[in-house]
Amino acid sequence: MHTPAPRFPDLVKAGVGLRHAHVSEFLTGAGKAGWLEVHAENYLVAGGPRLAQLEKLRQDYPVSFHSVALSLGAADGVDTAHLARLRALYDRFQPCLVSDHLAWTGLAGTHVPDLLPLPLTGQTLEIVAANVARAQDALGRRLLVENPSLYVRFTADQMDEGEFLAALAVRTGCGLLLDLNNLYISASNRGQDAARLLTHFPGDAVQEIHLAGHARMDVDGGSLLIDDHGSAVPDPVWALYESALRRFGPRPTLVEWDTALPPLAVLLSQATKADAVREAAAC
């Protein structure tokens, strides 16, 4: 079943996350990607070389901004000062997409450097929907909400992640960023079927797809998958990507690689493979 694809004429080819080690190669034209994603919190500065480099890069590439600190699941609401800083950054660079996570990252002014999970209940939906609505109003843009990697299930859960995010999209008009690596990790760690969970994500709301690698850790005689973005996209995630393309049609796709960073050519080869998978799915 295909749902209508959004129009992203400049995001047909797969993009990659922009990391500092690769900036000079992109600036000199030694590397070429379909588009670039940057972590917004790394650019919340008044000036300097980092912003100047991004100004140059956006002349040649569509740029998206991916934030990690909105804390959309926080019971005490989103930080209006942080939203204002993001709004100023987005107004300056006019990103093609903006996104954050279905998670909370702090409470009462205390921030933690992690994406903490939420019980998927009706009460949580009320909180997240209110925060997403406030964020979209403050940013003046549609926000894409990403499914994070999960390691436990809450006994209070009343729905799975896809159903929760589908309801959130209906309530707020937000879009979804479907991270297929996270989906595979969450399903594996919690004894679920990733292919089945994929069917619960509404294709008309999915506006972007992420691909990445993960690590495997032995814990208490079992195996735990860790979202470390430190290796090539594994075969099970590629298989989920093929399924997503068949179900939804093509979507802007990004390859993430953040730790054990490889040479740029290796990262770009992953984007090339994503393009090949997309083209094969269209046949």
C-alpha atoms as a PDB file:
ATOM      1  CA  MET A   1       0.000   0.000   0.000  1.00  0.00           C
ATOM      2  CA  HIS A   2       1.480   3.354  -1.043  1.00  0.00           C
ATOM      3  CA  THR A   3       0.508   6.641   0.533  1.00  0.00           C
ATOM      4  CA  PRO A   4       1.066   9.915  -1.316  1.00  0.00           C
ATOM      5  CA  ALA A   5       4.697  11.030  -1.018  1.00  0.00           C
ATOM      6  CA  PRO A   6       5.430  14.605   0.052  1.00  0.00           C
ATOM      7  CA  ARG A   7       7.176  16.806  -2.484  1.00  0.00           C
ATOM      8  CA  PHE A   8      10.882  17.121  -1.755  1.00  0.00           C
ATOM      9  CA  PRO A   9      12.426  17.899  -5.156  1.00  0.00           C
ATOM     10  CA  ASP A  10      15.832  18.626  -3.659  1.00  0.00           C
ATOM     11  CA  LEU A  11      15.942  15.587  -1.361  1.00  0.00           C
ATOM     12  CA  VAL A  12      15.670  12.762  -3.869  1.00  0.00           C
ATOM     13  CA  LYS A  13      19.176  11.464  -3.193  1.00  0.00           C
ATOM     14  CA  ALA A  14      20.086  10.243   0.275  1.00  0.00           C
ATOM     15  CA  GLY A  15      21.778  12.667   2.631  1.00  0.00           C
ATOM     16  CA  VAL A  16      24.319  12.256   5.428  1.00  0.00           C
ATOM     17  CA  GLY A  17      24.859  13.772   8.829  1.00  0.00           C
ATOM     18  CA  LEU A  18      27.423  16.568   8.728  1.00  0.00           C
ATOM     19  CA  ARG A  19      30.273  15.955  11.169  1.00  0.00           C
ATOM     20  CA  HIS A  20      33.191  18.274  11.866  1.00  0.00           C
ATOM     21  CA  ALA A  21      35.802  15.851  10.525  1.00  0.00           C
ATOM     22  CA  HIS A  22      34.175  15.935   7.085  1.00  0.00           C
ATOM     23  CA  VAL A  23      33.395  19.655   6.794  1.00  0.00           C
ATOM     24  CA  SER A  24      36.568  20.596   4.916  1.00  0.00           C
ATOM     25  CA  GLU A  25      35.995  17.881   2.294  1.00  0.00           C
ATOM     26  CA  PHE A  26      32.472  19.109   1.661  1.00  0.00           C
ATOM     27  CA  LEU A  27      33.706  22.700   1.429  1.00  0.00           C
ATOM     28  CA  THR A  28      36.362  21.801  -1.147  1.00  0.00           C
ATOM     29  CA  GLY A  29      34.016  19.609  -3.163  1.00  0.00           C
ATOM     30  CA  ALA A  30      35.961  16.437  -2.368  1.00  0.00           C
ATOM     31  CA  GLY A  31      32.720  14.839  -1.216  1.00  0.00           C
ATOM     32  CA  LYS A  32      29.162  15.179  -2.460  1.00  0.00           C
ATOM     33  CA  ALA A  33      25.914  14.126  -0.803  1.00  0.00           C
ATOM     34  CA  GLY A  34      22.270  14.636  -1.654  1.00  0.00           C
ATOM     35  CA  TRP A  35      21.699  16.826   1.433  1.00  0.00           C
ATOM     36  CA  LEU A  36      23.125  17.447   4.889  1.00  0.00           C
ATOM     37  CA  GLU A  37      21.694  17.171   8.371  1.00  0.00           C
ATOM     38  CA  VAL A  38      23.218  19.131  11.260  1.00  0.00           C
ATOM     39  CA  HIS A  39      22.606  18.879  14.979  1.00  0.00           C
ATOM     40  CA  ALA A  40      21.006  22.186  15.837  1.00  0.00           C
ATOM     41  CA  GLU A  41      22.482  22.520  19.326  1.00  0.00           C
ATOM     42  CA  ASN A  42      25.990  22.532  17.827  1.00  0.00           C
ATOM     43  CA  TYR A  43      25.189  25.788  16.014  1.00  0.00           C
ATOM     44  CA  LEU A  44      23.584  27.864  18.757  1.00  0.00           C
ATOM     45  CA  VAL A  45      26.393  30.400  18.703  1.00  0.00           C
ATOM     46  CA  ALA A  46      26.451  34.082  17.827  1.00  0.00           C
ATOM     47  CA  GLY A  47      29.110  33.793  15.121  1.00  0.00           C
ATOM     48  CA  GLY A  48      32.490  32.309  14.328  1.00  0.00           C
ATOM     49  CA  PRO A  49      33.869  29.759  11.854  1.00  0.00           C
ATOM     50  CA  ARG A  50      31.255  27.085  12.477  1.00  0.00           C
ATOM     51  CA  LEU A  51      28.369  29.259  11.321  1.00  0.00           C
ATOM     52  CA  ALA A  52      30.447  30.676   8.473  1.00  0.00           C
ATOM     53  CA  GLN A  53      31.170  27.155   7.197  1.00  0.00           C
ATOM     54  CA  LEU A  54      27.505  26.229   7.343  1.00  0.00           C
ATOM     55  CA  GLU A  55      26.596  29.404   5.459  1.00  0.00           C
ATOM     56  CA  LYS A  56      28.903  28.268   2.648  1.00  0.00           C
ATOM     57  CA  LEU A  57      27.627  24.705   2.644  1.00  0.00           C
ATOM     58  CA  ARG A  58      23.994  25.702   2.395  1.00  0.00           C
ATOM     59  CA  GLN A  59      24.747  27.392  -0.920  1.00  0.00           C
ATOM     60  CA  ASP A  60      25.355  23.914  -2.392  1.00  0.00           C
ATOM     61  CA  TYR A  61      23.193  21.651  -0.233  1.00  0.00           C
ATOM     62  CA  PRO A  62      19.709  21.497   1.229  1.00  0.00           C
ATOM     63  CA  VAL A  63      20.207  21.480   5.012  1.00  0.00           C
ATOM     64  CA  SER A  64      18.016  19.981   7.717  1.00  0.00           C
ATOM     65  CA  PHE A  65      18.265  20.660  11.452  1.00  0.00           C
ATOM     66  CA  HIS A  66      17.940  17.862  13.976  1.00  0.00           C
ATOM     67  CA  SER A  67      17.709  18.917  17.625  1.00  0.00           C
ATOM     68  CA  VAL A  68      18.161  16.668  20.655  1.00  0.00           C
ATOM     69  CA  ALA A  69      17.112  18.842  23.594  1.00  0.00           C
ATOM     70  CA  LEU A  70      13.503  19.952  23.123  1.00  0.00           C
ATOM     71  CA  SER A  71      12.394  17.370  25.708  1.00  0.00           C
ATOM     72  CA  LEU A  72       9.000  16.913  24.068  1.00  0.00           C
ATOM     73  CA  GLY A  73       7.960  14.446  26.763  1.00  0.00           C
ATOM     74  CA  ALA A  74       8.729  16.714  29.726  1.00  0.00           C
ATOM     75  CA  ALA A  75       5.797  17.126  32.093  1.00  0.00           C
ATOM     76  CA  ASP A  76       6.883  20.684  32.899  1.00  0.00           C
ATOM     77  CA  GLY A  77       6.754  21.727  29.241  1.00  0.00           C
ATOM     78  CA  VAL A  78       9.255  22.769  26.624  1.00  0.00           C
ATOM     79  CA  ASP A  79      11.900  25.400  27.340  1.00  0.00           C
ATOM     80  CA  THR A  80      10.749  28.641  25.727  1.00  0.00           C
ATOM     81  CA  ALA A  81      14.269  30.125  25.787  1.00  0.00           C
ATOM     82  CA  HIS A  82      15.648  27.133  23.911  1.00  0.00           C
ATOM     83  CA  LEU A  83      12.812  27.365  21.396  1.00  0.00           C
ATOM     84  CA  ALA A  84      13.662  31.020  20.816  1.00  0.00           C
ATOM     85  CA  ARG A  85      17.311  30.149  20.129  1.00  0.00           C
ATOM     86  CA  LEU A  86      16.279  27.442  17.702  1.00  0.00           C
ATOM     87  CA  ARG A  87      13.826  29.789  15.979  1.00  0.00           C
ATOM     88  CA  ALA A  88      16.592  32.336  15.385  1.00  0.00           C
ATOM     89  CA  LEU A  89      18.848  29.627  13.935  1.00  0.00           C
ATOM     90  CA  TYR A  90      16.093  28.250  11.692  1.00  0.00           C
ATOM     91  CA  ASP A  91      15.099  31.701  10.464  1.00  0.00           C
ATOM     92  CA  ARG A  92      18.716  32.322   9.504  1.00  0.00           C
ATOM     93  CA  PHE A  93      19.321  29.063   7.609  1.00  0.00           C
ATOM     94  CA  GLN A  94      15.800  28.170   6.416  1.00  0.00           C
ATOM     95  CA  PRO A  95      16.227  24.382   6.792  1.00  0.00           C
ATOM     96  CA  CYS A  96      14.194  22.054   4.596  1.00  0.00           C
ATOM     97  CA  LEU A  97      13.269  19.877   7.598  1.00  0.00           C
ATOM     98  CA  VAL A  98      13.419  20.263  11.396  1.00  0.00           C
ATOM     99  CA  SER A  99      13.108  17.426  13.867  1.00  0.00           C
ATOM    100  CA  ASP A 100      13.476  16.188  17.434  1.00  0.00           C
ATOM    101  CA  HIS A 101      12.609  13.047  19.430  1.00  0.00           C
ATOM    102  CA  LEU A 102       9.786  11.337  21.269  1.00  0.00           C
ATOM    103  CA  ALA A 103      11.633  11.523  24.585  1.00  0.00           C
ATOM    104  CA  TRP A 104      12.365  13.709  27.573  1.00  0.00           C
ATOM    105  CA  THR A 105      15.793  15.066  28.429  1.00  0.00           C
ATOM    106  CA  GLY A 106      15.381  16.874  31.721  1.00  0.00           C
ATOM    107  CA  LEU A 107      13.154  18.199  34.470  1.00  0.00           C
ATOM    108  CA  ALA A 108      12.915  21.470  36.391  1.00  0.00           C
ATOM    109  CA  GLY A 109      15.833  23.059  34.579  1.00  0.00           C
ATOM    110  CA  THR A 110      18.163  20.058  34.939  1.00  0.00           C
ATOM    111  CA  HIS A 111      19.276  18.613  31.605  1.00  0.00           C
ATOM    112  CA  VAL A 112      20.562  15.087  31.059  1.00  0.00           C
ATOM    113  CA  PRO A 113      22.569  14.118  27.951  1.00  0.00           C
ATOM    114  CA  ASP A 114      20.284  11.290  26.904  1.00  0.00           C
ATOM    115  CA  LEU A 115      16.927  10.609  25.261  1.00  0.00           C
ATOM    116  CA  LEU A 116      14.831   9.120  28.056  1.00  0.00           C
ATOM    117  CA  PRO A 117      11.823   6.893  27.266  1.00  0.00           C
ATOM    118  CA  LEU A 118       8.166   7.605  27.960  1.00  0.00           C
ATOM    119  CA  PRO A 119       5.271   5.344  28.963  1.00  0.00           C
ATOM    120  CA  LEU A 120       2.969   5.272  25.935  1.00  0.00           C
ATOM    121  CA  THR A 121      -0.305   6.185  27.592  1.00  0.00           C
ATOM    122  CA  GLY A 122      -3.149   8.585  26.963  1.00  0.00           C
ATOM    123  CA  GLN A 123      -1.797  10.906  29.658  1.00  0.00           C
ATOM    124  CA  THR A 124       1.625  10.967  27.988  1.00  0.00           C
ATOM    125  CA  LEU A 125      -0.045  11.708  24.656  1.00  0.00           C
ATOM    126  CA  GLU A 126      -1.713  14.771  26.192  1.00  0.00           C
ATOM    127  CA  ILE A 127       1.635  16.055  27.474  1.00  0.00           C
ATOM    128  CA  VAL A 128       3.593  15.402  24.288  1.00  0.00           C
ATOM    129  CA  ALA A 129       0.851  16.826  22.064  1.00  0.00           C
ATOM    130  CA  ALA A 130       0.774  20.057  24.080  1.00  0.00           C
ATOM    131  CA  ASN A 131       4.581  20.344  23.891  1.00  0.00           C
ATOM    132  CA  VAL A 132       4.684  19.645  20.156  1.00  0.00           C
ATOM    133  CA  ALA A 133       1.972  22.218  19.507  1.00  0.00           C
ATOM    134  CA  ARG A 134       3.879  24.843  21.513  1.00  0.00           C
ATOM    135  CA  ALA A 135       7.125  23.963  19.741  1.00  0.00           C
ATOM    136  CA  GLN A 136       5.589  24.236  16.279  1.00  0.00           C
ATOM    137  CA  ASP A 137       3.999  27.578  17.142  1.00  0.00           C
ATOM    138  CA  ALA A 138       7.282  28.929  18.526  1.00  0.00           C
ATOM    139  CA  LEU A 139       9.402  27.607  15.643  1.00  0.00           C
ATOM    140  CA  GLY A 140       6.918  28.629  12.971  1.00  0.00           C
ATOM    141  CA  ARG A 141       7.462  25.279  11.257  1.00  0.00           C
ATOM    142  CA  ARG A 142       6.148  21.756  11.121  1.00  0.00           C
ATOM    143  CA  LEU A 143       8.208  19.593  13.450  1.00  0.00           C
ATOM    144  CA  LEU A 144       9.115  15.991  12.658  1.00  0.00           C
ATOM    145  CA  VAL A 145       9.093  13.719  15.720  1.00  0.00           C
ATOM    146  CA  GLU A 146      11.505  10.772  15.726  1.00  0.00           C
ATOM    147  CA  ASN A 147      11.030   7.375  17.347  1.00  0.00           C
ATOM    148  CA  PRO A 148      14.034   6.854  19.671  1.00  0.00           C
ATOM    149  CA  SER A 149      15.822   3.588  20.432  1.00  0.00           C
ATOM    150  CA  LEU A 150      14.277   1.770  23.395  1.00  0.00           C
ATOM    151  CA  TYR A 151      15.649  -0.792  25.824  1.00  0.00           C
ATOM    152  CA  VAL A 152      12.721  -1.554  28.134  1.00  0.00           C
ATOM    153  CA  ARG A 153       8.935  -1.654  28.031  1.00  0.00           C
ATOM    154  CA  PHE A 154       6.713   0.099  30.558  1.00  0.00           C
ATOM    155  CA  THR A 155       4.021  -2.028  32.171  1.00  0.00           C
ATOM    156  CA  ALA A 156       1.778   1.037  31.831  1.00  0.00           C
ATOM    157  CA  ASP A 157       2.062   1.110  27.998  1.00  0.00           C
ATOM    158  CA  GLN A 158      -1.357   1.294  26.362  1.00  0.00           C
ATOM    159  CA  MET A 159      -0.194   1.352  22.730  1.00  0.00           C
ATOM    160  CA  ASP A 160       2.902   0.697  20.699  1.00  0.00           C
ATOM    161  CA  GLU A 161       5.160   3.452  19.391  1.00  0.00           C
ATOM    162  CA  GLY A 162       3.717   3.609  15.881  1.00  0.00           C
ATOM    163  CA  GLU A 163       0.172   3.913  17.205  1.00  0.00           C
ATOM    164  CA  PHE A 164       1.252   6.614  19.658  1.00  0.00           C
ATOM    165  CA  LEU A 165       3.034   8.634  16.985  1.00  0.00           C
ATOM    166  CA  ALA A 166       0.118   8.230  14.578  1.00  0.00           C
ATOM    167  CA  ALA A 167      -2.208   9.689  17.211  1.00  0.00           C
ATOM    168  CA  LEU A 168       0.282  12.498  17.893  1.00  0.00           C
ATOM    169  CA  ALA A 169       0.407  13.400  14.192  1.00  0.00           C
ATOM    170  CA  VAL A 170      -3.390  13.571  14.019  1.00  0.00           C
ATOM    171  CA  ARG A 171      -3.601  15.708  17.162  1.00  0.00           C
ATOM    172  CA  THR A 172      -0.872  18.212  16.271  1.00  0.00           C
ATOM    173  CA  GLY A 173      -0.304  18.041  12.512  1.00  0.00           C
ATOM    174  CA  CYS A 174       3.368  17.206  13.157  1.00  0.00           C
ATOM    175  CA  GLY A 175       5.290  14.949  10.821  1.00  0.00           C
ATOM    176  CA  LEU A 176       7.231  11.827  11.729  1.00  0.00           C
ATOM    177  CA  LEU A 177      10.891  10.988  11.321  1.00  0.00           C
ATOM    178  CA  LEU A 178      11.008   7.204  11.073  1.00  0.00           C
ATOM    179  CA  ASP A 179      14.381   5.946  12.292  1.00  0.00           C
ATOM    180  CA  LEU A 180      14.528   2.356  11.068  1.00  0.00           C
ATOM    181  CA  ASN A 181      17.661   1.543  13.059  1.00  0.00           C
ATOM    182  CA  ASN A 182      15.877   2.673  16.218  1.00  0.00           C
ATOM    183  CA  LEU A 183      12.804   0.668  15.268  1.00  0.00           C
ATOM    184  CA  TYR A 184      14.885  -2.477  14.790  1.00  0.00           C
ATOM    185  CA  ILE A 185      16.789  -1.920  18.064  1.00  0.00           C
ATOM    186  CA  SER A 186      13.607  -1.305  20.049  1.00  0.00           C
ATOM    187  CA  ALA A 187      11.866  -4.362  18.625  1.00  0.00           C
ATOM    188  CA  SER A 188      14.874  -6.645  19.191  1.00  0.00           C
ATOM    189  CA  ASN A 189      15.462  -5.453  22.744  1.00  0.00           C
ATOM    190  CA  ARG A 190      11.807  -5.816  23.725  1.00  0.00           C
ATOM    191  CA  GLY A 191      11.024  -9.081  21.973  1.00  0.00           C
ATOM    192  CA  GLN A 192       8.849  -7.577  19.236  1.00  0.00           C
ATOM    193  CA  ASP A 193       8.618  -7.938  15.464  1.00  0.00           C
ATOM    194  CA  ALA A 194      10.038  -4.844  13.758  1.00  0.00           C
ATOM    195  CA  ALA A 195       8.275  -5.596  10.469  1.00  0.00           C
ATOM    196  CA  ARG A 196       4.912  -5.719  12.246  1.00  0.00           C
ATOM    197  CA  LEU A 197       5.604  -2.512  14.171  1.00  0.00           C
ATOM    198  CA  LEU A 198       6.445  -0.782  10.904  1.00  0.00           C
ATOM    199  CA  THR A 199       2.868  -1.303   9.700  1.00  0.00           C
ATOM    200  CA  HIS A 200       1.584   0.898  12.535  1.00  0.00           C
ATOM    201  CA  PHE A 201       3.405   4.008  11.282  1.00  0.00           C
ATOM    202  CA  PRO A 202       1.150   6.205   9.102  1.00  0.00           C
ATOM    203  CA  GLY A 203       2.819   6.731   5.741  1.00  0.00           C
ATOM    204  CA  ASP A 204       1.211  10.107   5.096  1.00  0.00           C
ATOM    205  CA  ALA A 205       2.853  11.489   8.257  1.00  0.00           C
ATOM    206  CA  VAL A 206       6.313   9.960   7.660  1.00  0.00           C
ATOM    207  CA  GLN A 207       8.329  12.778   6.138  1.00  0.00           C
ATOM    208  CA  GLU A 208      11.870  11.456   6.624  1.00  0.00           C
ATOM    209  CA  ILE A 209      13.730   8.195   7.239  1.00  0.00           C
ATOM    210  CA  HIS A 210      16.964   7.631   9.165  1.00  0.00           C
ATOM    211  CA  LEU A 211      19.364   4.722   8.659  1.00  0.00           C
ATOM    212  CA  ALA A 212      22.296   3.865  10.930  1.00  0.00           C
ATOM    213  CA  GLY A 213      24.320   1.085  12.512  1.00  0.00           C
ATOM    214  CA  HIS A 214      24.285  -0.282  16.039  1.00  0.00           C
ATOM    215  CA  ALA A 215      26.365  -2.345  18.460  1.00  0.00           C
ATOM    216  CA  ARG A 216      25.537  -5.642  20.174  1.00  0.00           C
ATOM    217  CA  MET A 217      26.301  -6.147  23.872  1.00  0.00           C
ATOM    218  CA  ASP A 218      26.055  -9.299  25.990  1.00  0.00           C
ATOM    219  CA  VAL A 219      24.008  -8.646  29.127  1.00  0.00           C
ATOM    220  CA  ASP A 220      23.066 -11.314  31.690  1.00  0.00           C
ATOM    221  CA  GLY A 221      23.374 -14.097  29.166  1.00  0.00           C
ATOM    222  CA  GLY A 222      21.317 -12.254  26.594  1.00  0.00           C
ATOM    223  CA  SER A 223      21.974  -9.787  23.800  1.00  0.00           C
ATOM    224  CA  LEU A 224      21.208  -6.069  23.882  1.00  0.00           C
ATOM    225  CA  LEU A 225      21.402  -3.778  20.853  1.00  0.00           C
ATOM    226  CA  ILE A 226      22.869  -0.318  21.464  1.00  0.00           C
ATOM    227  CA  ASP A 227      22.180   2.682  19.243  1.00  0.00           C
ATOM    228  CA  ASP A 228      25.772   3.894  18.829  1.00  0.00           C
ATOM    229  CA  HIS A 229      25.759   5.064  15.166  1.00  0.00           C
ATOM    230  CA  GLY A 230      29.241   3.593  14.935  1.00  0.00           C
ATOM    231  CA  SER A 231      29.120   1.219  11.983  1.00  0.00           C
ATOM    232  CA  ALA A 232      27.610   0.599   8.568  1.00  0.00           C
ATOM    233  CA  VAL A 233      23.875   0.054   8.216  1.00  0.00           C
ATOM    234  CA  PRO A 234      23.292  -3.675   8.928  1.00  0.00           C
ATOM    235  CA  ASP A 235      21.307  -6.038   6.729  1.00  0.00           C
ATOM    236  CA  PRO A 236      18.170  -6.164   8.938  1.00  0.00           C
ATOM    237  CA  VAL A 237      17.870  -2.364   8.784  1.00  0.00           C
ATOM    238  CA  TRP A 238      18.302  -2.412   5.000  1.00  0.00           C
ATOM    239  CA  ALA A 239      15.498  -4.992   4.865  1.00  0.00           C
ATOM    240  CA  LEU A 240      13.256  -2.700   6.915  1.00  0.00           C
ATOM    241  CA  TYR A 241      14.120   0.138   4.533  1.00  0.00           C
ATOM    242  CA  GLU A 242      13.001  -1.939   1.572  1.00  0.00           C
ATOM    243  CA  SER A 243       9.740  -2.701   3.391  1.00  0.00           C
ATOM    244  CA  ALA A 244       9.210   0.962   4.242  1.00  0.00           C
ATOM    245  CA  LEU A 245       9.757   2.005   0.626  1.00  0.00           C
ATOM    246  CA  ARG A 246       7.260  -0.579  -0.582  1.00  0.00           C
ATOM    247  CA  ARG A 247       4.732   0.549   2.004  1.00  0.00           C
ATOM    248  CA  PHE A 248       5.172   4.329   1.896  1.00  0.00           C
ATOM    249  CA  GLY A 249       6.984   5.057  -1.334  1.00  0.00           C
ATOM    250  CA  PRO A 250      10.202   7.132  -1.366  1.00  0.00           C
ATOM    251  CA  ARG A 251      10.961   9.514   1.489  1.00  0.00           C
ATOM    252  CA  PRO A 252      13.949  11.788   2.175  1.00  0.00           C
ATOM    253  CA  THR A 253      16.525   9.416   3.646  1.00  0.00           C
ATOM    254  CA  LEU A 254      19.543  10.173   5.816  1.00  0.00           C
ATOM    255  CA  VAL A 255      22.476   7.968   6.842  1.00  0.00           C
ATOM    256  CA  GLU A 256      23.796   8.678  10.348  1.00  0.00           C
ATOM    257  CA  TRP A 257      27.324   7.762  11.522  1.00  0.00           C
ATOM    258  CA  ASP A 258      28.506   9.554  14.675  1.00  0.00           C
ATOM    259  CA  THR A 259      31.052   7.369  16.503  1.00  0.00           C
ATOM    260  CA  ALA A 260      34.112   5.561  15.129  1.00  0.00           C
ATOM    261  CA  LEU A 261      33.683   7.996  12.255  1.00  0.00           C
ATOM    262  CA  PRO A 262      34.884   6.521   8.947  1.00  0.00           C
ATOM    263  CA  PRO A 263      36.466   8.307   5.978  1.00  0.00           C
ATOM    264  CA  LEU A 264      33.894  10.389   4.119  1.00  0.00           C
ATOM    265  CA  ALA A 265      34.021   8.032   1.125  1.00  0.00           C
ATOM    266  CA  VAL A 266      32.765   5.183   3.319  1.00  0.00           C
ATOM    267  CA  LEU A 267      29.883   7.271   4.644  1.00  0.00           C
ATOM    268  CA  LEU A 268      28.931   8.436   1.151  1.00  0.00           C
ATOM    269  CA  SER A 269      28.967   4.829  -0.063  1.00  0.00           C
ATOM    270  CA  GLN A 270      26.189   4.122   2.432  1.00  0.00           C
ATOM    271  CA  ALA A 271      24.149   6.969   0.965  1.00  0.00           C
ATOM    272  CA  THR A 272      24.799   5.565  -2.512  1.00  0.00           C
ATOM    273  CA  LYS A 273      23.507   2.189  -1.347  1.00  0.00           C
ATOM    274  CA  ALA A 274      20.363   3.854   0.031  1.00  0.00           C
ATOM    275  CA  ASP A 275      19.823   5.424  -3.406  1.00  0.00           C
ATOM    276  CA  ALA A 276      20.220   2.015  -5.049  1.00  0.00           C
ATOM    277  CA  VAL A 277      17.717   0.415  -2.671  1.00  0.00           C
ATOM    278  CA  ARG A 278      15.232   3.212  -3.367  1.00  0.00           C
ATOM    279  CA  GLU A 279      15.643   2.866  -7.137  1.00  0.00           C
ATOM    280  CA  ALA A 280      15.219  -0.924  -6.965  1.00  0.00           C
ATOM    281  CA  ALA A 281      12.057  -0.566  -4.892  1.00  0.00           C
ATOM    282  CA  ALA A 282      10.596   1.756  -7.535  1.00  0.00           C
ATOM    283  CA  CYS A 283      10.953  -0.861 -10.284  1.00  0.00           C
END
